PDB file of N, CA and C in Angstrom:
ATOM      1  N   MET A   1      13.731 -16.759 -75.209  1.00  0.00           N
ATOM      2  CA  MET A   1      13.806 -15.870 -76.349  1.00  0.00           C
ATOM      3  C   MET A   1      12.572 -14.970 -76.394  1.00  0.00           C
ATOM      4  N   LYS A   2      11.473 -15.478 -75.892  1.00  0.00           N
ATOM      5  CA  LYS A   2      10.241 -14.693 -75.888  1.00  0.00           C
ATOM      6  C   LYS A   2      10.428 -13.394 -75.095  1.00  0.00           C
ATOM      7  N   THR A   3      11.130 -13.486 -73.986  1.00  0.00           N
ATOM      8  CA  THR A   3      11.371 -12.306 -73.158  1.00  0.00           C
ATOM      9  C   THR A   3      12.235 -11.294 -73.896  1.00  0.00           C
ATOM     10  N   LEU A   4      13.218 -11.765 -74.634  1.00  0.00           N
ATOM     11  CA  LEU A   4      14.093 -10.856 -75.379  1.00  0.00           C
ATOM     12  C   LEU A   4      13.342 -10.147 -76.505  1.00  0.00           C
ATOM     13  N   ARG A   5      12.329 -10.797 -77.035  1.00  0.00           N
ATOM     14  CA  ARG A   5      11.521 -10.175 -78.095  1.00  0.00           C
ATOM     15  C   ARG A   5      10.513  -9.184 -77.530  1.00  0.00           C
ATOM     16  N   ASN A   6      10.145  -9.365 -76.274  1.00  0.00           N
ATOM     17  CA  ASN A   6       9.157  -8.497 -75.632  1.00  0.00           C
ATOM     18  C   ASN A   6       9.825  -7.178 -75.256  1.00  0.00           C
ATOM     19  N   ARG A   7       9.476  -6.111 -75.936  1.00  0.00           N
ATOM     20  CA  ARG A   7      10.095  -4.806 -75.705  1.00  0.00           C
ATOM     21  C   ARG A   7       9.735  -4.228 -74.341  1.00  0.00           C
ATOM     22  N   GLU A   8       8.729  -4.789 -73.682  1.00  0.00           N
ATOM     23  CA  GLU A   8       8.301  -4.281 -72.381  1.00  0.00           C
ATOM     24  C   GLU A   8       8.857  -5.099 -71.213  1.00  0.00           C
ATOM     25  N   ALA A   9       9.675  -6.105 -71.506  1.00  0.00           N
ATOM     26  CA  ALA A   9      10.275  -6.917 -70.447  1.00  0.00           C
ATOM     27  C   ALA A   9      11.218  -6.053 -69.613  1.00  0.00           C
ATOM     28  N   THR A  10      11.187  -6.265 -68.303  1.00  0.00           N
ATOM     29  CA  THR A  10      12.029  -5.484 -67.401  1.00  0.00           C
ATOM     30  C   THR A  10      13.458  -6.031 -67.393  1.00  0.00           C
ATOM     31  N   SER A  11      14.360  -5.270 -66.809  1.00  0.00           N
ATOM     32  CA  SER A  11      15.752  -5.719 -66.672  1.00  0.00           C
ATOM     33  C   SER A  11      15.826  -6.997 -65.850  1.00  0.00           C
ATOM     34  N   GLN A  12      14.985  -7.094 -64.827  1.00  0.00           N
ATOM     35  CA  GLN A  12      14.955  -8.287 -63.983  1.00  0.00           C
ATOM     36  C   GLN A  12      14.525  -9.513 -64.795  1.00  0.00           C
ATOM     37  N   GLU A  13      13.514  -9.353 -65.634  1.00  0.00           N
ATOM     38  CA  GLU A  13      13.062 -10.460 -66.480  1.00  0.00           C
ATOM     39  C   GLU A  13      14.152 -10.860 -67.473  1.00  0.00           C
ATOM     40  N   LEU A  14      14.843  -9.887 -68.011  1.00  0.00           N
ATOM     41  CA  LEU A  14      15.956 -10.184 -68.917  1.00  0.00           C
ATOM     42  C   LEU A  14      17.047 -10.966 -68.195  1.00  0.00           C
ATOM     43  N   GLN A  15      17.368 -10.534 -66.983  1.00  0.00           N
ATOM     44  CA  GLN A  15      18.405 -11.202 -66.203  1.00  0.00           C
ATOM     45  C   GLN A  15      18.024 -12.653 -65.921  1.00  0.00           C
ATOM     46  N   GLU A  16      16.774 -12.892 -65.557  1.00  0.00           N
ATOM     47  CA  GLU A  16      16.310 -14.256 -65.286  1.00  0.00           C
ATOM     48  C   GLU A  16      16.372 -15.116 -66.545  1.00  0.00           C
ATOM     49  N   THR A  17      15.982 -14.544 -67.668  1.00  0.00           N
ATOM     50  CA  THR A  17      16.021 -15.276 -68.937  1.00  0.00           C
ATOM     51  C   THR A  17      17.451 -15.645 -69.313  1.00  0.00           C
ATOM     52  N   LEU A  18      18.363 -14.699 -69.172  1.00  0.00           N
ATOM     53  CA  LEU A  18      19.765 -14.968 -69.505  1.00  0.00           C
ATOM     54  C   LEU A  18      20.360 -16.022 -68.581  1.00  0.00           C
ATOM     55  N   ALA A  19      19.976 -15.997 -67.310  1.00  0.00           N
ATOM     56  CA  ALA A  19      20.457 -17.010 -66.362  1.00  0.00           C
ATOM     57  C   ALA A  19      19.975 -18.399 -66.774  1.00  0.00           C
ATOM     58  N   LEU A  20      18.726 -18.492 -67.220  1.00  0.00           N
ATOM     59  CA  LEU A  20      18.196 -19.782 -67.672  1.00  0.00           C
ATOM     60  C   LEU A  20      18.886 -20.253 -68.949  1.00  0.00           C
ATOM     61  N   ILE A  21      19.153 -19.329 -69.855  1.00  0.00           N
ATOM     62  CA  ILE A  21      19.869 -19.693 -71.083  1.00  0.00           C
ATOM     63  C   ILE A  21      21.238 -20.257 -70.733  1.00  0.00           C
ATOM     64  N   LEU A  22      21.948 -19.583 -69.840  1.00  0.00           N
ATOM     65  CA  LEU A  22      23.282 -20.056 -69.456  1.00  0.00           C
ATOM     66  C   LEU A  22      23.220 -21.381 -68.711  1.00  0.00           C
ATOM     67  N   LYS A  23      22.212 -21.549 -67.880  1.00  0.00           N
ATOM     68  CA  LYS A  23      22.102 -22.774 -67.086  1.00  0.00           C
ATOM     69  C   LYS A  23      21.790 -23.992 -67.956  1.00  0.00           C
ATOM     70  N   TYR A  24      20.833 -23.852 -68.856  1.00  0.00           N
ATOM     71  CA  TYR A  24      20.368 -25.004 -69.623  1.00  0.00           C
ATOM     72  C   TYR A  24      20.921 -25.088 -71.045  1.00  0.00           C
ATOM     73  N   HIS A  25      21.377 -23.982 -71.590  1.00  0.00           N
ATOM     74  CA  HIS A  25      21.866 -23.971 -72.969  1.00  0.00           C
ATOM     75  C   HIS A  25      23.162 -23.178 -73.091  1.00  0.00           C
ATOM     76  N   GLY A  26      23.971 -23.167 -72.053  1.00  0.00           N
ATOM     77  CA  GLY A  26      25.165 -22.330 -72.025  1.00  0.00           C
ATOM     78  C   GLY A  26      26.315 -22.817 -72.871  1.00  0.00           C
ATOM     79  N   THR A  27      26.311 -24.092 -73.230  1.00  0.00           N
ATOM     80  CA  THR A  27      27.423 -24.644 -73.989  1.00  0.00           C
ATOM     81  C   THR A  27      27.069 -24.720 -75.467  1.00  0.00           C
ATOM     82  N   ILE A  28      27.862 -24.051 -76.270  1.00  0.00           N
ATOM     83  CA  ILE A  28      27.673 -24.064 -77.722  1.00  0.00           C
ATOM     84  C   ILE A  28      28.330 -25.337 -78.260  1.00  0.00           C
ATOM     85  N   PRO A  29      27.660 -26.067 -79.165  1.00  0.00           N
ATOM     86  CA  PRO A  29      28.275 -27.276 -79.729  1.00  0.00           C
ATOM     87  C   PRO A  29      29.620 -26.966 -80.389  1.00  0.00           C
ATOM     88  N   ASN A  30      30.489 -27.964 -80.417  1.00  0.00           N
ATOM     89  CA  ASN A  30      31.834 -27.798 -80.972  1.00  0.00           C
ATOM     90  C   ASN A  30      31.804 -27.296 -82.406  1.00  0.00           C
ATOM     91  N   LYS A  31      32.896 -26.613 -82.760  1.00  0.00           N
ATOM     92  CA  LYS A  31      33.044 -26.119 -84.127  1.00  0.00           C
ATOM     93  C   LYS A  31      33.154 -27.299 -85.088  1.00  0.00           C
ATOM     94  N   LEU A  32      32.808 -27.031 -86.335  1.00  0.00           N
ATOM     95  CA  LEU A  32      32.918 -28.036 -87.393  1.00  0.00           C
ATOM     96  C   LEU A  32      34.174 -27.705 -88.193  1.00  0.00           C
ATOM     97  N   GLY A  33      35.297 -28.197 -87.707  1.00  0.00           N
ATOM     98  CA  GLY A  33      36.576 -27.818 -88.302  1.00  0.00           C
ATOM     99  C   GLY A  33      36.883 -26.386 -87.910  1.00  0.00           C
ATOM    100  N   ILE A  34      37.006 -25.508 -88.909  1.00  0.00           N
ATOM    101  CA  ILE A  34      37.248 -24.095 -88.606  1.00  0.00           C
ATOM    102  C   ILE A  34      35.955 -23.283 -88.639  1.00  0.00           C
ATOM    103  N   ARG A  35      34.864 -23.919 -89.029  1.00  0.00           N
ATOM    104  CA  ARG A  35      33.572 -23.231 -89.121  1.00  0.00           C
ATOM    105  C   ARG A  35      32.801 -23.373 -87.817  1.00  0.00           C
ATOM    106  N   VAL A  36      31.991 -22.353 -87.527  1.00  0.00           N
ATOM    107  CA  VAL A  36      31.165 -22.421 -86.325  1.00  0.00           C
ATOM    108  C   VAL A  36      30.024 -23.398 -86.557  1.00  0.00           C
ATOM    109  N   ASN A  37      29.565 -23.989 -85.478  1.00  0.00           N
ATOM    110  CA  ASN A  37      28.391 -24.846 -85.541  1.00  0.00           C
ATOM    111  C   ASN A  37      27.182 -23.962 -85.852  1.00  0.00           C
ATOM    112  N   PRO A  38      26.271 -24.417 -86.693  1.00  0.00           N
ATOM    113  CA  PRO A  38      25.089 -23.597 -87.013  1.00  0.00           C
ATOM    114  C   PRO A  38      24.290 -23.166 -85.778  1.00  0.00           C
ATOM    115  N   GLU A  39      24.390 -23.887 -84.693  1.00  0.00           N
ATOM    116  CA  GLU A  39      23.703 -23.521 -83.453  1.00  0.00           C
ATOM    117  C   GLU A  39      24.225 -22.201 -82.887  1.00  0.00           C
ATOM    118  N   PHE A  40      25.457 -21.839 -83.244  1.00  0.00           N
ATOM    119  CA  PHE A  40      26.041 -20.604 -82.723  1.00  0.00           C
ATOM    120  C   PHE A  40      25.212 -19.387 -83.098  1.00  0.00           C
ATOM    121  N   TYR A  41      24.567 -19.428 -84.243  1.00  0.00           N
ATOM    122  CA  TYR A  41      23.815 -18.260 -84.707  1.00  0.00           C
ATOM    123  C   TYR A  41      22.641 -17.927 -83.790  1.00  0.00           C
ATOM    124  N   LYS A  42      22.157 -18.908 -83.057  1.00  0.00           N
ATOM    125  CA  LYS A  42      21.109 -18.636 -82.056  1.00  0.00           C
ATOM    126  C   LYS A  42      21.675 -17.770 -80.927  1.00  0.00           C
ATOM    127  N   TYR A  43      22.889 -18.073 -80.513  1.00  0.00           N
ATOM    128  CA  TYR A  43      23.538 -17.296 -79.452  1.00  0.00           C
ATOM    129  C   TYR A  43      23.861 -15.887 -79.956  1.00  0.00           C
ATOM    130  N   SER A  44      24.243 -15.804 -81.207  1.00  0.00           N
ATOM    131  CA  SER A  44      24.515 -14.511 -81.816  1.00  0.00           C
ATOM    132  C   SER A  44      23.245 -13.656 -81.823  1.00  0.00           C
ATOM    133  N   GLU A  45      22.114 -14.281 -82.121  1.00  0.00           N
ATOM    134  CA  GLU A  45      20.838 -13.555 -82.121  1.00  0.00           C
ATOM    135  C   GLU A  45      20.473 -13.090 -80.712  1.00  0.00           C
ATOM    136  N   VAL A  46      20.743 -13.926 -79.707  1.00  0.00           N
ATOM    137  CA  VAL A  46      20.473 -13.534 -78.320  1.00  0.00           C
ATOM    138  C   VAL A  46      21.288 -12.287 -77.971  1.00  0.00           C
ATOM    139  N   LEU A  47      22.566 -12.281 -78.318  1.00  0.00           N
ATOM    140  CA  LEU A  47      23.405 -11.110 -78.049  1.00  0.00           C
ATOM    141  C   LEU A  47      22.888  -9.868 -78.773  1.00  0.00           C
ATOM    142  N   MET A  48      22.487 -10.038 -80.018  1.00  0.00           N
ATOM    143  CA  MET A  48      21.972  -8.909 -80.797  1.00  0.00           C
ATOM    144  C   MET A  48      20.696  -8.361 -80.157  1.00  0.00           C
ATOM    145  N   ARG A  49      19.769  -9.238 -79.804  1.00  0.00           N
ATOM    146  CA  ARG A  49      18.509  -8.800 -79.194  1.00  0.00           C
ATOM    147  C   ARG A  49      18.753  -8.160 -77.830  1.00  0.00           C
ATOM    148  N   LEU A  50      19.698  -8.714 -77.079  1.00  0.00           N
ATOM    149  CA  LEU A  50      20.017  -8.153 -75.768  1.00  0.00           C
ATOM    150  C   LEU A  50      20.559  -6.733 -75.911  1.00  0.00           C
ATOM    151  N   CYS A  51      21.450  -6.533 -76.852  1.00  0.00           N
ATOM    152  CA  CYS A  51      22.030  -5.200 -77.061  1.00  0.00           C
ATOM    153  C   CYS A  51      20.978  -4.185 -77.488  1.00  0.00           C
ATOM    154  N   ARG A  52      20.002  -4.611 -78.256  1.00  0.00           N
ATOM    155  CA  ARG A  52      18.998  -3.695 -78.799  1.00  0.00           C
ATOM    156  C   ARG A  52      17.774  -3.526 -77.906  1.00  0.00           C
ATOM    157  N   HIS A  53      17.671  -4.312 -76.853  1.00  0.00           N
ATOM    158  CA  HIS A  53      16.489  -4.237 -75.984  1.00  0.00           C
ATOM    159  C   HIS A  53      16.475  -2.907 -75.225  1.00  0.00           C
ATOM    160  N   PRO A  54      15.309  -2.253 -75.131  1.00  0.00           N
ATOM    161  CA  PRO A  54      15.252  -0.939 -74.469  1.00  0.00           C
ATOM    162  C   PRO A  54      15.522  -0.976 -72.962  1.00  0.00           C
ATOM    163  N   ASN A  55      15.329  -2.124 -72.320  1.00  0.00           N
ATOM    164  CA  ASN A  55      15.522  -2.205 -70.870  1.00  0.00           C
ATOM    165  C   ASN A  55      16.787  -2.948 -70.470  1.00  0.00           C
ATOM    166  N   THR A  56      17.718  -3.086 -71.391  1.00  0.00           N
ATOM    167  CA  THR A  56      18.977  -3.736 -71.057  1.00  0.00           C
ATOM    168  C   THR A  56      19.909  -2.715 -70.413  1.00  0.00           C
ATOM    169  N   ASN A  57      20.993  -3.216 -69.863  1.00  0.00           N
ATOM    170  CA  ASN A  57      22.007  -2.324 -69.311  1.00  0.00           C
ATOM    171  C   ASN A  57      23.372  -2.972 -69.515  1.00  0.00           C
ATOM    172  N   LYS A  58      24.415  -2.193 -69.295  1.00  0.00           N
ATOM    173  CA  LYS A  58      25.759  -2.703 -69.588  1.00  0.00           C
ATOM    174  C   LYS A  58      26.125  -3.895 -68.719  1.00  0.00           C
ATOM    175  N   LYS A  59      25.632  -3.942 -67.484  1.00  0.00           N
ATOM    176  CA  LYS A  59      25.939  -5.069 -66.604  1.00  0.00           C
ATOM    177  C   LYS A  59      25.379  -6.373 -67.169  1.00  0.00           C
ATOM    178  N   LEU A  60      24.142  -6.341 -67.641  1.00  0.00           N
ATOM    179  CA  LEU A  60      23.534  -7.535 -68.236  1.00  0.00           C
ATOM    180  C   LEU A  60      24.341  -8.012 -69.441  1.00  0.00           C
ATOM    181  N   ILE A  61      24.692  -7.075 -70.296  1.00  0.00           N
ATOM    182  CA  ILE A  61      25.418  -7.423 -71.520  1.00  0.00           C
ATOM    183  C   ILE A  61      26.799  -7.984 -71.191  1.00  0.00           C
ATOM    184  N   ILE A  62      27.530  -7.309 -70.331  1.00  0.00           N
ATOM    185  CA  ILE A  62      28.889  -7.742 -69.987  1.00  0.00           C
ATOM    186  C   ILE A  62      28.873  -9.078 -69.251  1.00  0.00           C
ATOM    187  N   ASP A  63      27.965  -9.235 -68.291  1.00  0.00           N
ATOM    188  CA  ASP A  63      27.894 -10.491 -67.540  1.00  0.00           C
ATOM    189  C   ASP A  63      27.557 -11.673 -68.446  1.00  0.00           C
ATOM    190  N   PHE A  64      26.589 -11.482 -69.353  1.00  0.00           N
ATOM    191  CA  PHE A  64      26.219 -12.564 -70.267  1.00  0.00           C
ATOM    192  C   PHE A  64      27.380 -12.883 -71.204  1.00  0.00           C
ATOM    193  N   ASP A  65      28.024 -11.867 -71.727  1.00  0.00           N
ATOM    194  CA  ASP A  65      29.166 -12.048 -72.620  1.00  0.00           C
ATOM    195  C   ASP A  65      30.281 -12.833 -71.931  1.00  0.00           C
ATOM    196  N   ARG A  66      30.636 -12.429 -70.740  1.00  0.00           N
ATOM    197  CA  ARG A  66      31.727 -13.102 -70.005  1.00  0.00           C
ATOM    198  C   ARG A  66      31.373 -14.545 -69.659  1.00  0.00           C
ATOM    199  N   ALA A  67      30.138 -14.773 -69.224  1.00  0.00           N
ATOM    200  CA  ALA A  67      29.724 -16.132 -68.868  1.00  0.00           C
ATOM    201  C   ALA A  67      29.728 -17.034 -70.100  1.00  0.00           C
ATOM    202  N   LEU A  68      29.261 -16.514 -71.217  1.00  0.00           N
ATOM    203  CA  LEU A  68      29.236 -17.297 -72.451  1.00  0.00           C
ATOM    204  C   LEU A  68      30.656 -17.612 -72.916  1.00  0.00           C
ATOM    205  N   GLU A  69      31.552 -16.643 -72.809  1.00  0.00           N
ATOM    206  CA  GLU A  69      32.953 -16.874 -73.182  1.00  0.00           C
ATOM    207  C   GLU A  69      33.617 -17.882 -72.251  1.00  0.00           C
ATOM    208  N   LYS A  70      33.302 -17.814 -70.966  1.00  0.00           N
ATOM    209  CA  LYS A  70      33.896 -18.734 -69.994  1.00  0.00           C
ATOM    210  C   LYS A  70      33.468 -20.176 -70.274  1.00  0.00           C
ATOM    211  N   LYS A  71      32.212 -20.363 -70.648  1.00  0.00           N
ATOM    212  CA  LYS A  71      31.709 -21.707 -70.932  1.00  0.00           C
ATOM    213  C   LYS A  71      32.123 -22.205 -72.313  1.00  0.00           C
ATOM    214  N   ASN A  72      32.504 -21.292 -73.195  1.00  0.00           N
ATOM    215  CA  ASN A  72      32.810 -21.645 -74.582  1.00  0.00           C
ATOM    216  C   ASN A  72      34.089 -20.963 -75.062  1.00  0.00           C
ATOM    217  N   PRO A  73      35.244 -21.314 -74.485  1.00  0.00           N
ATOM    218  CA  PRO A  73      36.491 -20.630 -74.854  1.00  0.00           C
ATOM    219  C   PRO A  73      36.847 -20.782 -76.335  1.00  0.00           C
ATOM    220  N   GLU A  74      36.355 -21.822 -76.965  1.00  0.00           N
ATOM    221  CA  GLU A  74      36.611 -22.055 -78.386  1.00  0.00           C
ATOM    222  C   GLU A  74      35.950 -20.966 -79.256  1.00  0.00           C
ATOM    223  N   TYR A  75      34.922 -20.323 -78.720  1.00  0.00           N
ATOM    224  CA  TYR A  75      34.133 -19.351 -79.486  1.00  0.00           C
ATOM    225  C   TYR A  75      34.368 -17.898 -79.070  1.00  0.00           C
ATOM    226  N   ILE A  76      35.416 -17.613 -78.322  1.00  0.00           N
ATOM    227  CA  ILE A  76      35.627 -16.251 -77.813  1.00  0.00           C
ATOM    228  C   ILE A  76      35.624 -15.220 -78.942  1.00  0.00           C
ATOM    229  N   ARG A  77      36.333 -15.486 -80.003  1.00  0.00           N
ATOM    230  CA  ARG A  77      36.407 -14.527 -81.115  1.00  0.00           C
ATOM    231  C   ARG A  77      35.029 -14.290 -81.729  1.00  0.00           C
ATOM    232  N   GLU A  78      34.283 -15.366 -81.957  1.00  0.00           N
ATOM    233  CA  GLU A  78      32.966 -15.251 -82.578  1.00  0.00           C
ATOM    234  C   GLU A  78      31.973 -14.541 -81.660  1.00  0.00           C
ATOM    235  N   ILE A  79      32.065 -14.813 -80.354  1.00  0.00           N
ATOM    236  CA  ILE A  79      31.186 -14.145 -79.385  1.00  0.00           C
ATOM    237  C   ILE A  79      31.483 -12.651 -79.374  1.00  0.00           C
ATOM    238  N   ASN A  80      32.765 -12.297 -79.374  1.00  0.00           N
ATOM    239  CA  ASN A  80      33.149 -10.878 -79.413  1.00  0.00           C
ATOM    240  C   ASN A  80      32.656 -10.198 -80.690  1.00  0.00           C
ATOM    241  N   ASP A  81      32.748 -10.898 -81.813  1.00  0.00           N
ATOM    242  CA  ASP A  81      32.257 -10.338 -83.079  1.00  0.00           C
ATOM    243  C   ASP A  81      30.748 -10.111 -83.025  1.00  0.00           C
ATOM    244  N   ALA A  82      30.015 -11.081 -82.469  1.00  0.00           N
ATOM    245  CA  ALA A  82      28.554 -10.950 -82.361  1.00  0.00           C
ATOM    246  C   ALA A  82      28.192  -9.794 -81.440  1.00  0.00           C
ATOM    247  N   LEU A  83      28.921  -9.655 -80.346  1.00  0.00           N
ATOM    248  CA  LEU A  83      28.671  -8.556 -79.416  1.00  0.00           C
ATOM    249  C   LEU A  83      28.954  -7.209 -80.082  1.00  0.00           C
ATOM    250  N   THR A  84      30.044  -7.128 -80.814  1.00  0.00           N
ATOM    251  CA  THR A  84      30.389  -5.894 -81.519  1.00  0.00           C
ATOM    252  C   THR A  84      29.299  -5.521 -82.519  1.00  0.00           C
ATOM    253  N   LYS A  85      28.799  -6.504 -83.259  1.00  0.00           N
ATOM    254  CA  LYS A  85      27.717  -6.239 -84.216  1.00  0.00           C
ATOM    255  C   LYS A  85      26.467  -5.746 -83.494  1.00  0.00           C
ATOM    256  N   GLY A  86      26.162  -6.357 -82.351  1.00  0.00           N
ATOM    257  CA  GLY A  86      24.997  -5.933 -81.582  1.00  0.00           C
ATOM    258  C   GLY A  86      25.124  -4.512 -81.086  1.00  0.00           C
ATOM    259  N   LEU A  87      26.294  -4.171 -80.575  1.00  0.00           N
ATOM    260  CA  LEU A  87      26.510  -2.811 -80.077  1.00  0.00           C
ATOM    261  C   LEU A  87      26.544  -1.795 -81.216  1.00  0.00           C
ATOM    262  N   ASN A  88      27.134  -2.178 -82.334  1.00  0.00           N
ATOM    263  CA  ASN A  88      27.182  -1.274 -83.489  1.00  0.00           C
ATOM    264  C   ASN A  88      25.803  -1.044 -84.092  1.00  0.00           C
ATOM    265  N   SER A  89      24.912  -2.009 -83.927  1.00  0.00           N
ATOM    266  CA  SER A  89      23.568  -1.868 -84.498  1.00  0.00           C
ATOM    267  C   SER A  89      22.755  -0.799 -83.777  1.00  0.00           C
ATOM    268  N   LEU A  90      23.228  -0.384 -82.616  1.00  0.00           N
ATOM    269  CA  LEU A  90      22.527   0.664 -81.876  1.00  0.00           C
ATOM    270  C   LEU A  90      22.685   2.018 -82.545  1.00  0.00           C
ATOM    271  N   GLY A  91      23.758   2.192 -83.274  1.00  0.00           N
ATOM    272  CA  GLY A  91      23.996   3.448 -83.975  1.00  0.00           C
ATOM    273  C   GLY A  91      24.315   4.606 -83.052  1.00  0.00           C
ATOM    274  N   VAL A  92      24.845   4.294 -81.864  1.00  0.00           N
ATOM    275  CA  VAL A  92      25.173   5.349 -80.896  1.00  0.00           C
ATOM    276  C   VAL A  92      26.561   5.874 -81.158  1.00  0.00           C
TER     277      VAL A  92
END
């Protein structure tokens, strides 16, 4: 997360950080009934920070989104919503 907060981190550093997140923390805990697990909001923040980072690119965003959805099919809708919010926050 430190790399995502660092506005001077390169695309390569972002890619390495996202790979580590997926490797060690890629699985979101199960939903609590119909509600998302509170841990999901950390992943939502990662998506938001990734979208807003000055050195990100569409490949990083799409690859992370797809990998997260593949590992967590139960959360596809919520991941898409978080990604949409992140992209909309750019104001482009």
